[in-house]
Protein backbone atom coordinates (compact mmCIF):
# COMPACT_ATOMS: atom_id res chain seq x y z
CA UNK A 1 -53.42 32.35 -152.41
CA UNK A 2 -53.59 34.95 -149.63
CA UNK A 3 -50.10 36.21 -150.44
CA UNK A 4 -50.99 36.48 -154.13
CA UNK A 5 -54.10 38.53 -153.40
CA UNK A 6 -52.21 40.97 -151.18
CA UNK A 7 -49.36 41.23 -153.67
CA UNK A 8 -51.74 42.14 -156.48
CA UNK A 9 -53.28 44.96 -154.41
CA UNK A 10 -49.91 46.37 -153.29
CA UNK A 11 -48.37 46.19 -156.76
CA UNK A 12 -51.27 48.15 -158.19
CA UNK A 13 -51.17 50.73 -155.43
CA UNK A 14 -47.46 51.58 -155.47
CA UNK A 15 -47.31 53.27 -158.90
CA UNK A 16 -50.03 55.70 -157.89
CA UNK A 17 -48.17 56.86 -154.81
CA UNK A 18 -45.71 58.69 -157.05
CA UNK A 19 -48.13 60.06 -159.67
CA UNK A 20 -47.39 63.63 -160.66
CA UNK A 21 -49.12 64.29 -163.97
CA UNK A 22 -50.39 67.18 -166.00
CA UNK A 23 -53.97 66.49 -164.95
CA UNK A 24 -53.34 65.64 -161.30
CA UNK A 25 -56.01 68.10 -160.16
CA UNK A 26 -58.70 65.64 -161.31
CA UNK A 27 -56.99 62.44 -160.22
CA UNK A 28 -58.44 60.44 -157.34
CA UNK A 29 -57.07 57.15 -156.05
CA UNK A 30 -58.81 55.29 -153.26
CA UNK A 31 -57.60 52.11 -151.63
CA UNK A 32 -59.10 50.26 -148.72
CA UNK A 33 -60.50 47.09 -147.30
CA UNK A 34 -63.75 45.99 -145.65
CA UNK A 35 -63.84 43.08 -143.22
CA UNK A 36 -67.17 41.30 -142.69
CA UNK A 37 -68.16 38.59 -140.24
CA UNK A 38 -71.59 37.10 -139.47
CA UNK A 39 -73.19 34.66 -137.08
CA UNK A 40 -74.42 32.47 -139.97
CA UNK A 41 -72.79 31.34 -143.22
CA UNK A 42 -74.10 34.46 -144.98
CA UNK A 43 -74.28 38.18 -144.30
CA UNK A 44 -77.33 40.24 -143.25
CA UNK A 45 -79.04 41.71 -146.30
CA UNK A 46 -78.05 45.37 -145.91
CA UNK A 47 -74.36 44.53 -145.43
CA UNK A 48 -74.18 43.05 -148.94
CA UNK A 49 -77.13 44.46 -150.93
CA UNK A 50 -76.86 47.50 -153.24
CA UNK A 51 -73.05 47.51 -153.13
CA UNK A 52 -72.52 46.60 -156.78
CA UNK A 53 -71.63 42.99 -155.96
CA UNK A 54 -68.42 43.91 -154.13
CA UNK A 55 -69.18 42.24 -150.76
CA UNK A 56 -69.22 38.44 -150.81
CA UNK A 57 -72.08 36.64 -149.10
CA UNK A 58 -69.85 34.59 -146.78
CA UNK A 59 -69.59 34.09 -143.04
CA UNK A 60 -66.32 36.07 -143.00
CA UNK A 61 -64.23 37.77 -145.65
CA UNK A 62 -62.02 40.69 -146.61
CA UNK A 63 -62.93 42.84 -149.60
CA UNK A 64 -59.83 44.84 -150.58
CA UNK A 65 -59.84 47.33 -153.42
CA UNK A 66 -58.14 50.09 -155.31
CA UNK A 67 -60.13 52.67 -157.27
CA UNK A 68 -58.71 55.30 -159.60
CA UNK A 69 -60.48 57.95 -161.68
CA UNK A 70 -59.33 60.91 -163.71
CA UNK A 71 -61.05 63.49 -165.88
CA UNK A 72 -60.06 66.16 -168.39
CA UNK A 73 -62.17 69.04 -169.71
CA UNK A 74 -61.21 70.83 -172.90
CA UNK A 75 -62.54 72.83 -175.84
CA UNK A 76 -63.07 76.59 -176.22
CA UNK A 77 -65.83 76.63 -173.56
CA UNK A 78 -64.71 73.52 -171.66
CA UNK A 79 -67.78 71.72 -173.02
CA UNK A 80 -65.91 68.48 -173.76
CA UNK A 81 -65.07 66.06 -171.00
CA UNK A 82 -63.09 62.82 -170.92
CA UNK A 83 -63.30 60.61 -167.83
CA UNK A 84 -61.81 57.18 -167.21
CA UNK A 85 -61.21 54.90 -164.27
CA UNK A 86 -61.19 51.45 -162.77
CA UNK A 87 -61.81 49.67 -159.48
CA UNK A 88 -60.07 46.37 -158.82
CA UNK A 89 -61.32 44.14 -155.99
CA UNK A 90 -60.04 41.05 -154.23
CA UNK A 91 -62.33 38.99 -151.97
CA UNK A 92 -63.72 35.47 -151.40
CA UNK A 93 -60.84 34.61 -149.06
CA UNK A 94 -58.29 36.12 -151.49
CA UNK A 95 -59.38 33.75 -154.28
CA UNK A 96 -61.26 36.21 -156.49
CA UNK A 97 -59.87 39.23 -158.33
CA UNK A 98 -62.28 41.23 -160.47
CA UNK A 99 -62.86 44.66 -161.98
CA UNK A 100 -66.00 46.20 -160.53
CA UNK A 101 -65.44 49.22 -162.80
CA UNK A 102 -63.30 49.76 -165.88
CA UNK A 103 -64.66 52.52 -168.09
CA UNK A 104 -64.15 55.45 -170.43
CA UNK A 105 -66.73 58.24 -170.67
CA UNK A 106 -66.67 60.96 -173.32
CA UNK A 107 -69.15 63.83 -173.09
CA UNK A 108 -70.14 66.98 -174.92
CA UNK A 109 -72.19 69.16 -172.59
CA UNK A 110 -74.83 66.71 -171.23
CA UNK A 111 -74.57 64.15 -174.04
CA UNK A 112 -72.32 61.29 -172.98
CA UNK A 113 -70.87 58.13 -174.54
CA UNK A 114 -69.89 55.47 -171.98
CA UNK A 115 -67.98 52.22 -172.56
CA UNK A 116 -67.14 49.47 -170.07
CA UNK A 117 -68.24 48.59 -166.56
CA UNK A 118 -69.43 51.54 -164.47
CA UNK A 119 -71.61 52.03 -161.44
CA UNK A 120 -75.13 53.09 -162.33
CA UNK A 121 -78.56 53.20 -160.69
CA UNK A 122 -81.49 53.62 -163.09
CA UNK A 123 -84.59 55.14 -161.55
CA UNK A 124 -85.39 58.34 -159.65
CA UNK A 125 -84.78 56.84 -156.20
CA UNK A 126 -82.37 58.02 -153.52
CA UNK A 127 -79.14 56.20 -154.46
CA UNK A 128 -77.88 56.24 -150.87
CA UNK A 129 -80.97 55.25 -148.88
CA UNK A 130 -83.48 53.53 -151.18
CA UNK A 131 -84.26 49.83 -150.79
CA UNK A 132 -83.44 49.61 -154.50
CA UNK A 133 -84.85 50.68 -157.86
CA UNK A 134 -87.06 48.13 -159.60
CA UNK A 135 -84.94 48.63 -162.74
CA UNK A 136 -81.22 48.72 -161.92
CA UNK A 137 -80.56 49.13 -158.20
CA UNK A 138 -76.79 48.81 -157.85
CA UNK A 139 -77.20 45.41 -156.21
CA UNK A 140 -75.35 43.43 -158.88
CA UNK A 141 -71.91 43.85 -160.40
CA UNK A 142 -72.13 46.42 -163.24
CA UNK A 143 -72.84 44.82 -166.63
CA UNK A 144 -70.30 45.67 -169.38
CA UNK A 145 -72.00 47.84 -171.98
CA UNK A 146 -71.85 50.67 -174.47
CA UNK A 147 -74.28 53.49 -173.79
CA UNK A 148 -75.11 56.88 -175.22
CA UNK A 149 -77.53 59.38 -173.80
CA UNK A 150 -78.36 62.37 -171.67
CA UNK A 151 -77.37 61.49 -168.13
CA UNK A 152 -78.93 64.68 -166.76
CA UNK A 153 -82.03 66.60 -167.78
CA UNK A 154 -81.50 68.91 -170.76
CA UNK A 155 -83.96 71.62 -171.88
CA UNK A 156 -86.14 70.94 -174.93
CA UNK A 157 -85.66 73.65 -177.59
CA UNK A 158 -88.40 76.28 -177.96
CA UNK A 159 -89.97 75.53 -174.55
CA UNK A 160 -88.22 78.34 -172.65
CA UNK A 161 -86.78 75.74 -170.28
CA UNK A 162 -90.14 74.44 -169.10
CA UNK A 163 -89.62 71.00 -170.65
CA UNK A 164 -86.53 68.89 -170.09
CA UNK A 165 -85.59 65.38 -171.23
CA UNK A 166 -83.05 62.74 -170.35
CA UNK A 167 -82.51 59.12 -171.33
CA UNK A 168 -80.09 56.60 -172.72
CA UNK A 169 -79.72 53.73 -175.18
CA UNK A 170 -77.39 50.84 -174.31
CA UNK A 171 -76.07 47.50 -175.52
CA UNK A 172 -74.52 45.10 -173.00
CA UNK A 173 -73.06 41.62 -172.57
CA UNK A 174 -74.42 39.24 -169.90
CA UNK A 175 -71.43 36.87 -169.91
CA UNK A 176 -71.23 33.11 -169.47
CA UNK A 177 -72.68 32.74 -165.94
CA UNK A 178 -76.25 32.54 -167.28
CA UNK A 179 -78.61 29.74 -168.27
CA UNK A 180 -78.20 30.95 -171.87
CA UNK A 181 -74.56 32.06 -171.92
CA UNK A 182 -73.25 35.06 -173.82
CA UNK A 183 -76.66 36.66 -174.19
CA UNK A 184 -76.92 40.37 -174.92
CA UNK A 185 -78.61 43.15 -172.96
CA UNK A 186 -80.71 45.81 -174.64
CA UNK A 187 -81.50 48.75 -172.38
CA UNK A 188 -83.19 52.10 -172.92
CA UNK A 189 -85.03 54.66 -170.88
CA UNK A 190 -86.63 58.03 -171.46
CA UNK A 191 -87.80 60.72 -169.02
CA UNK A 192 -89.70 63.98 -169.53
CA UNK A 193 -89.84 66.68 -166.85
CA UNK A 194 -92.09 69.75 -166.69
CA UNK A 195 -91.30 72.90 -164.72
CA UNK A 196 -88.28 75.14 -164.23
CA UNK A 197 -88.92 76.71 -160.85
CA UNK A 198 -89.25 75.07 -157.44
CA UNK A 199 -91.91 72.51 -158.39
CA UNK A 200 -91.36 69.97 -161.19
CA UNK A 201 -93.24 66.89 -162.38
CA UNK A 202 -91.64 64.04 -164.30
CA UNK A 203 -92.50 60.74 -165.91
CA UNK A 204 -90.51 58.06 -167.66
CA UNK A 205 -90.21 54.48 -168.84
CA UNK A 206 -87.40 51.92 -168.58
CA UNK A 207 -87.10 48.95 -170.93
CA UNK A 208 -84.73 45.99 -170.56
CA UNK A 209 -84.36 42.89 -172.72
CA UNK A 210 -81.96 39.96 -172.48
CA UNK A 211 -81.71 38.32 -175.89
CA UNK A 212 -79.49 36.21 -178.14
CA UNK A 213 -76.92 33.81 -176.76
CA UNK A 214 -77.01 30.05 -177.25
CA UNK A 215 -76.71 26.74 -175.44
CA UNK A 216 -76.29 23.22 -176.81
CA UNK A 217 -79.60 21.72 -175.66
CA UNK A 218 -81.71 24.55 -177.13
CA UNK A 219 -82.49 25.36 -180.77
CA UNK A 220 -80.17 27.97 -182.21
CA UNK A 221 -81.27 31.43 -181.05
CA UNK A 222 -81.24 34.05 -183.78
CA UNK A 223 -79.21 37.20 -183.25
CA UNK A 224 -79.17 39.00 -186.62
CA UNK A 225 -79.67 42.74 -186.97
CA UNK A 226 -83.34 42.11 -187.79
CA UNK A 227 -83.70 40.12 -184.57
CA UNK A 228 -82.02 42.94 -182.69
CA UNK A 229 -84.49 45.45 -184.14
CA UNK A 230 -87.37 43.18 -183.11
CA UNK A 231 -86.00 43.37 -179.57
CA UNK A 232 -85.54 47.15 -179.68
CA UNK A 233 -89.03 47.74 -181.08
CA UNK A 234 -90.60 45.01 -178.91
CA UNK A 235 -92.03 43.30 -181.98
CA UNK A 236 -93.43 39.79 -182.04
CA UNK A 237 -91.20 37.30 -183.79
CA UNK A 238 -89.64 33.87 -183.69
CA UNK A 239 -86.12 34.03 -182.28
CA UNK A 240 -85.63 30.28 -182.68
CA UNK A 241 -86.51 29.18 -179.15
CA UNK A 242 -89.27 26.84 -180.28
CA UNK A 243 -89.46 23.58 -178.32
CA UNK A 244 -91.88 20.72 -178.90
CA UNK A 245 -93.23 20.87 -175.33
CA UNK A 246 -93.57 24.61 -174.82
CA UNK A 247 -95.30 27.61 -176.32
CA UNK A 248 -93.06 29.84 -178.40
CA UNK A 249 -92.37 33.21 -176.76
CA UNK A 250 -94.35 35.98 -178.44
CA UNK A 251 -91.38 38.33 -178.44
CA UNK A 252 -87.67 37.54 -178.84
CA UNK A 253 -85.78 37.64 -175.58
CA UNK A 254 -86.69 38.27 -171.97
CA UNK A 255 -88.36 41.68 -171.64
CA UNK A 256 -89.29 43.78 -168.63
CA UNK A 257 -89.68 47.42 -167.73
CA UNK A 258 -90.65 50.08 -165.23
CA UNK A 259 -93.10 52.96 -165.52
CA UNK A 260 -92.07 55.86 -163.32
CA UNK A 261 -93.43 59.23 -162.29
CA UNK A 262 -93.20 61.76 -159.52
CA UNK A 263 -92.92 65.30 -158.20
CA UNK A 264 -89.86 67.33 -157.15
CA UNK A 265 -89.72 70.47 -155.02
CA UNK A 266 -86.48 72.28 -154.24
CA UNK A 267 -85.26 75.59 -152.89
CA UNK A 268 -81.89 76.80 -151.61
CA UNK A 269 -82.20 74.83 -148.37
CA UNK A 270 -84.26 71.69 -148.99
CA UNK A 271 -85.14 69.18 -151.72
CA UNK A 272 -88.17 66.88 -151.66
CA UNK A 273 -89.16 64.11 -154.06
CA UNK A 274 -92.23 61.86 -154.27
CA UNK A 275 -91.90 58.97 -156.72
CA UNK A 276 -93.65 55.85 -157.93
CA UNK A 277 -92.29 52.91 -159.91
CA UNK A 278 -94.61 50.31 -161.46
CA UNK A 279 -92.98 47.12 -162.83
CA UNK A 280 -94.16 45.15 -165.84
CA UNK A 281 -92.87 42.09 -167.68
CA UNK A 282 -95.06 42.16 -170.79
CA UNK A 283 -97.48 44.59 -172.38
CA UNK A 284 -100.34 43.29 -170.24
CA UNK A 285 -98.66 44.88 -167.23
CA UNK A 286 -98.96 48.36 -168.76
CA UNK A 287 -102.49 48.80 -167.44
CA UNK A 288 -104.25 50.97 -164.87
CA UNK A 289 -105.24 47.72 -163.17
CA UNK A 290 -101.59 47.15 -162.33
CA UNK A 291 -101.21 48.66 -158.87
CA UNK A 292 -97.91 46.98 -158.04
CA UNK A 293 -95.43 49.66 -157.07
CA UNK A 294 -92.45 51.01 -155.26
CA UNK A 295 -93.56 54.36 -153.83
CA UNK A 296 -91.28 56.71 -151.99
CA UNK A 297 -90.68 60.08 -150.33
CA UNK A 298 -87.16 61.43 -150.05
CA UNK A 299 -85.85 64.52 -148.25
CA UNK A 300 -82.49 66.27 -148.48
CA UNK A 301 -81.25 69.15 -146.30
CA UNK A 302 -78.71 71.24 -148.23
CA UNK A 303 -77.87 73.66 -145.43
CA UNK A 304 -74.32 73.72 -144.12
CA UNK A 305 -74.18 72.22 -140.66
CA UNK A 306 -77.46 70.32 -140.99
CA UNK A 307 -77.78 67.28 -138.73
CA UNK A 308 -80.31 65.25 -140.77
CA UNK A 309 -78.79 65.19 -144.25
CA UNK A 310 -81.18 62.82 -146.04
CA UNK A 311 -84.22 60.69 -145.23
CA UNK A 312 -86.25 58.22 -147.30
CA UNK A 313 -89.55 56.42 -146.73
CA UNK A 314 -90.68 53.73 -149.19
CA UNK A 315 -93.60 51.33 -149.63
CA UNK A 316 -93.35 48.29 -151.87
CA UNK A 317 -96.11 45.95 -153.06
CA UNK A 318 -95.73 43.45 -155.91
CA UNK A 319 -98.45 40.95 -154.96
CA UNK A 320 -100.92 41.75 -157.73
CA UNK A 321 -98.83 40.55 -160.68
CA UNK A 322 -101.62 40.76 -163.29
CA UNK A 323 -104.13 38.89 -161.17
CA UNK A 324 -106.96 40.04 -163.43
CA UNK A 325 -105.73 37.38 -165.88
CA UNK A 326 -106.00 33.59 -165.43
CA UNK A 327 -103.09 32.21 -163.42
CA UNK A 328 -101.32 30.61 -166.39
CA UNK A 329 -101.09 34.00 -168.14
CA UNK A 330 -99.83 36.07 -165.23
CA UNK A 331 -96.39 37.60 -165.14
CA UNK A 332 -93.64 36.53 -162.76
CA UNK A 333 -91.42 39.53 -162.08
CA UNK A 334 -87.75 39.03 -163.01
CA UNK A 335 -88.42 35.46 -164.29
CA UNK A 336 -88.66 34.06 -167.81
CA UNK A 337 -89.56 30.67 -169.28
CA UNK A 338 -86.62 30.55 -171.72
CA UNK A 339 -83.96 32.77 -170.15
CA UNK A 340 -84.20 30.90 -166.86
CA UNK A 341 -81.62 33.03 -165.04
CA UNK A 342 -84.05 35.94 -165.11
CA UNK A 343 -83.13 39.48 -164.05
CA UNK A 344 -79.86 38.51 -162.42
CA UNK A 345 -76.17 39.07 -163.15
CA UNK A 346 -73.32 37.17 -161.51
CA UNK A 347 -75.67 35.63 -158.91
CA UNK A 348 -77.14 38.96 -157.77
CA UNK A 349 -80.58 40.36 -158.62
CA UNK A 350 -80.18 43.44 -160.82
CA UNK A 351 -83.31 45.15 -159.49
CA UNK A 352 -84.68 45.30 -155.96
CA UNK A 353 -82.78 43.10 -153.48
CA UNK A 354 -86.03 42.66 -151.52
CA UNK A 355 -86.82 39.89 -154.00
CA UNK A 356 -85.04 36.59 -153.37
CA UNK A 357 -83.11 34.50 -155.89
CA UNK A 358 -81.78 30.98 -155.45
CA UNK A 359 -78.27 32.14 -154.56
CA UNK A 360 -79.66 33.97 -151.53
CA UNK A 361 -82.56 31.60 -150.93
CA UNK A 362 -80.28 28.61 -150.37
CA UNK A 363 -79.52 30.10 -146.95
CA UNK A 364 -83.20 30.51 -146.09
CA UNK A 365 -84.73 27.24 -147.33
CA UNK A 366 -83.41 23.66 -147.09
CA UNK A 367 -84.79 22.57 -150.47
CA UNK A 368 -83.34 25.44 -152.55
CA UNK A 369 -80.02 25.38 -154.40
CA UNK A 370 -78.66 27.66 -157.17
CA UNK A 371 -79.16 26.35 -160.69
CA UNK A 372 -76.41 24.18 -162.15
CA UNK A 373 -76.37 25.44 -165.73
CA UNK A 374 -74.41 22.38 -166.89
CA UNK A 375 -77.57 20.30 -166.37
CA UNK A 376 -80.01 19.73 -169.23
CA UNK A 377 -82.67 22.27 -170.11
CA UNK A 378 -85.63 20.14 -168.99
CA UNK A 379 -83.96 19.25 -165.66
CA UNK A 380 -83.35 22.89 -164.77
CA UNK A 381 -86.76 24.05 -165.97
CA UNK A 382 -88.57 21.47 -163.84
CA UNK A 383 -86.93 22.87 -160.67
CA UNK A 384 -88.98 26.08 -160.81
CA UNK A 385 -88.01 29.72 -161.06
CA UNK A 386 -84.63 31.26 -160.27
CA UNK A 387 -86.29 34.24 -158.55
CA UNK A 388 -88.18 32.31 -155.88
CA UNK A 389 -89.73 35.26 -154.04
CA UNK A 390 -91.09 38.20 -156.05
CA UNK A 391 -94.48 38.81 -154.39
CA UNK A 392 -93.47 41.17 -151.61
CA UNK A 393 -95.11 43.94 -149.59
CA UNK A 394 -93.38 46.10 -147.03
CA UNK A 395 -92.09 49.40 -145.74
CA UNK A 396 -88.55 50.80 -145.73
CA UNK A 397 -86.94 53.66 -143.80
CA UNK A 398 -83.53 55.20 -144.33
CA UNK A 399 -81.69 58.17 -142.79
CA UNK A 400 -78.28 59.78 -143.27
CA UNK A 401 -77.14 62.22 -140.58
CA UNK A 402 -74.16 64.02 -139.13
CA UNK A 403 -72.94 63.53 -135.56
CA UNK A 404 -70.48 66.30 -134.75
CA UNK A 405 -67.82 67.33 -137.25
CA UNK A 406 -66.17 63.97 -137.92
CA UNK A 407 -68.95 61.34 -137.64
CA UNK A 408 -71.67 60.48 -140.14
CA UNK A 409 -74.36 57.92 -139.39
CA UNK A 410 -76.60 55.85 -141.65
CA UNK A 411 -79.65 53.89 -140.46
CA UNK A 412 -81.84 51.58 -142.56
CA UNK A 413 -84.84 49.56 -141.35
CA UNK A 414 -87.04 47.40 -143.58
CA UNK A 415 -90.06 45.20 -142.88
CA UNK A 416 -91.50 42.86 -145.51
CA UNK A 417 -94.10 40.14 -145.92
CA UNK A 418 -93.02 37.57 -148.50
CA UNK A 419 -95.46 35.52 -150.56
CA UNK A 420 -93.10 33.65 -152.90
CA UNK A 421 -94.27 33.25 -156.51
CA UNK A 422 -97.51 32.11 -158.13
CA UNK A 423 -95.86 28.83 -159.12
CA UNK A 424 -95.07 26.26 -156.41
CA UNK A 425 -91.98 27.21 -154.43
CA UNK A 426 -90.53 27.12 -150.94
CA UNK A 427 -92.92 29.76 -149.54
CA UNK A 428 -96.31 28.18 -148.87
CA UNK A 429 -97.68 30.87 -146.52
CA UNK A 430 -96.72 34.54 -145.98
CA UNK A 431 -93.38 34.96 -144.20
CA UNK A 432 -92.55 38.10 -142.22
CA UNK A 433 -89.00 39.42 -142.35
CA UNK A 434 -87.13 42.54 -141.28
CA UNK A 435 -83.68 43.85 -142.12
CA UNK A 436 -81.74 46.53 -140.23
CA UNK A 437 -78.45 48.37 -140.65
CA UNK A 438 -76.60 50.84 -138.44
CA UNK A 439 -73.45 52.36 -139.92
CA UNK A 440 -71.02 55.01 -138.66
CA UNK A 441 -68.34 56.70 -140.75
CA UNK A 442 -65.42 58.50 -139.06
CA UNK A 443 -63.17 61.03 -140.81
CA UNK A 444 -59.80 60.52 -139.16
CA UNK A 445 -57.35 63.37 -138.45
CA UNK A 446 -55.01 61.87 -141.06
CA UNK A 447 -55.85 63.56 -144.42
CA UNK A 448 -57.87 61.27 -146.69
CA UNK A 449 -58.32 58.50 -144.11
CA UNK A 450 -61.82 57.30 -143.14
CA UNK A 451 -63.00 54.44 -140.94
CA UNK A 452 -66.43 52.80 -141.31
CA UNK A 453 -68.17 50.43 -138.93
CA UNK A 454 -71.55 48.78 -139.44
CA UNK A 455 -73.88 46.29 -137.78
CA UNK A 456 -76.51 44.40 -139.78
CA UNK A 457 -79.40 42.44 -138.26
CA UNK A 458 -81.93 40.19 -140.01
CA UNK A 459 -84.87 38.66 -138.16
CA UNK A 460 -88.11 36.90 -138.96
CA UNK A 461 -89.46 33.77 -140.59
CA UNK A 462 -86.82 33.49 -143.35
CA UNK A 463 -83.57 34.54 -141.69
CA UNK A 464 -82.12 35.29 -138.28
CA UNK A 465 -78.54 36.52 -138.42
CA UNK A 466 -76.25 39.31 -137.31
CA UNK A 467 -73.19 40.67 -139.05
CA UNK A 468 -70.46 43.23 -138.58
CA UNK A 469 -68.37 45.25 -141.00
CA UNK A 470 -65.22 47.27 -140.38
CA UNK A 471 -63.76 49.27 -143.25
CA UNK A 472 -60.74 51.48 -143.82
CA UNK A 473 -60.17 53.74 -146.84
CA UNK A 474 -57.43 56.14 -147.86
CA UNK A 475 -58.05 58.81 -150.51
CA UNK A 476 -55.15 60.20 -152.52
CA UNK A 477 -56.25 63.34 -154.38
CA UNK A 478 -53.24 65.53 -155.22
CA UNK A 479 -55.38 68.35 -156.61
CA UNK A 480 -57.03 68.88 -153.20
CA UNK A 481 -53.82 69.59 -151.33
């Protein structure tokens, strides 16, 4: 199996070594590998989290990859753009080959149509240093989908540039590794920003719904166009998931969202952002009483030769969880009573990795195991939630900096207190936990070659482990020669 994994990587790499095409100026091919080893049977959190599911959570492994992207611009004013690419990975002791990305993107100005798997973080957080957006953090493997929208802010007509909007509308496929296999994903978000000078204010909303799909021991779940529109419009309706011993869900599918707002200030040298995300699972969470949040401050130094490139400070608190309602009516973030997998894709939480699912929790608690979806509905349901820890408070620090001309450092430090869920689970009393990462990236004298080394440390009441990562990457970009 090891030979097969290496052969696949080499066979894919060789054709690109001789590429000489009309659009070579936009072509980029990256190939590399990352070796990880830990003191326990799993990796420290920040060595695996927010890496789009590409690092396996094993004691030791190699994650080898090849990534290729190309883009063409055309039209009288070069307003049209076609981009495509893929990234193929091999890991899990050479036993797993998978496409982390495989996409085509077609854009006119700022309006873009995207098809396939592609890396995406949804939320106005720092993509490099944040602990993770409460919507889509980049923690899980990208979900295959079709999406159309404004990826960047575009001015609203007749406002002289003072109002800008962005947003997207998507349809995705959750695959078979779910409690209800082959369910769909509905996703949309909308943001409005005010200001066109140094200071800007923005606000937005994200909405996600997992719906449809079917399994043998559940009533047939409806997935007609009318049912789809009920999901899009968040209308009450019977999607077919009516069981004799449970209350029918008041809306088809598993819904959740994020309210977001903040301020931005930027000049030629610096950029600052203050942001707040508030999660909700149902309409009762859209309330001023809901003080659960991810709040953050991010800083970016744009000056050439700056030492501190970026810095982020975040506070997270999700303990409230609609506690102004009786316990039986409260929300449980990322969980659902019918779609028991919750906000997870391919065993990774889609939102903040500071929450804990069963796949990760099995390493922390003796009585926790991932769900076996081949078991009957009532057996799985009686085991409790899949997201076993979603009441979290804590603080997170991140910094990206330059050391000389060839070294770049990244430091992340996170402290949390973990309260489990409202329902019985493995956490009976608050558990303190911290996660740390120190990473160094070296640009070698060989053109396109970089080396990365990292140390991850976890300590506290849930996990004590250390891990190490060593990575090598080679970039082939003929247009840059």
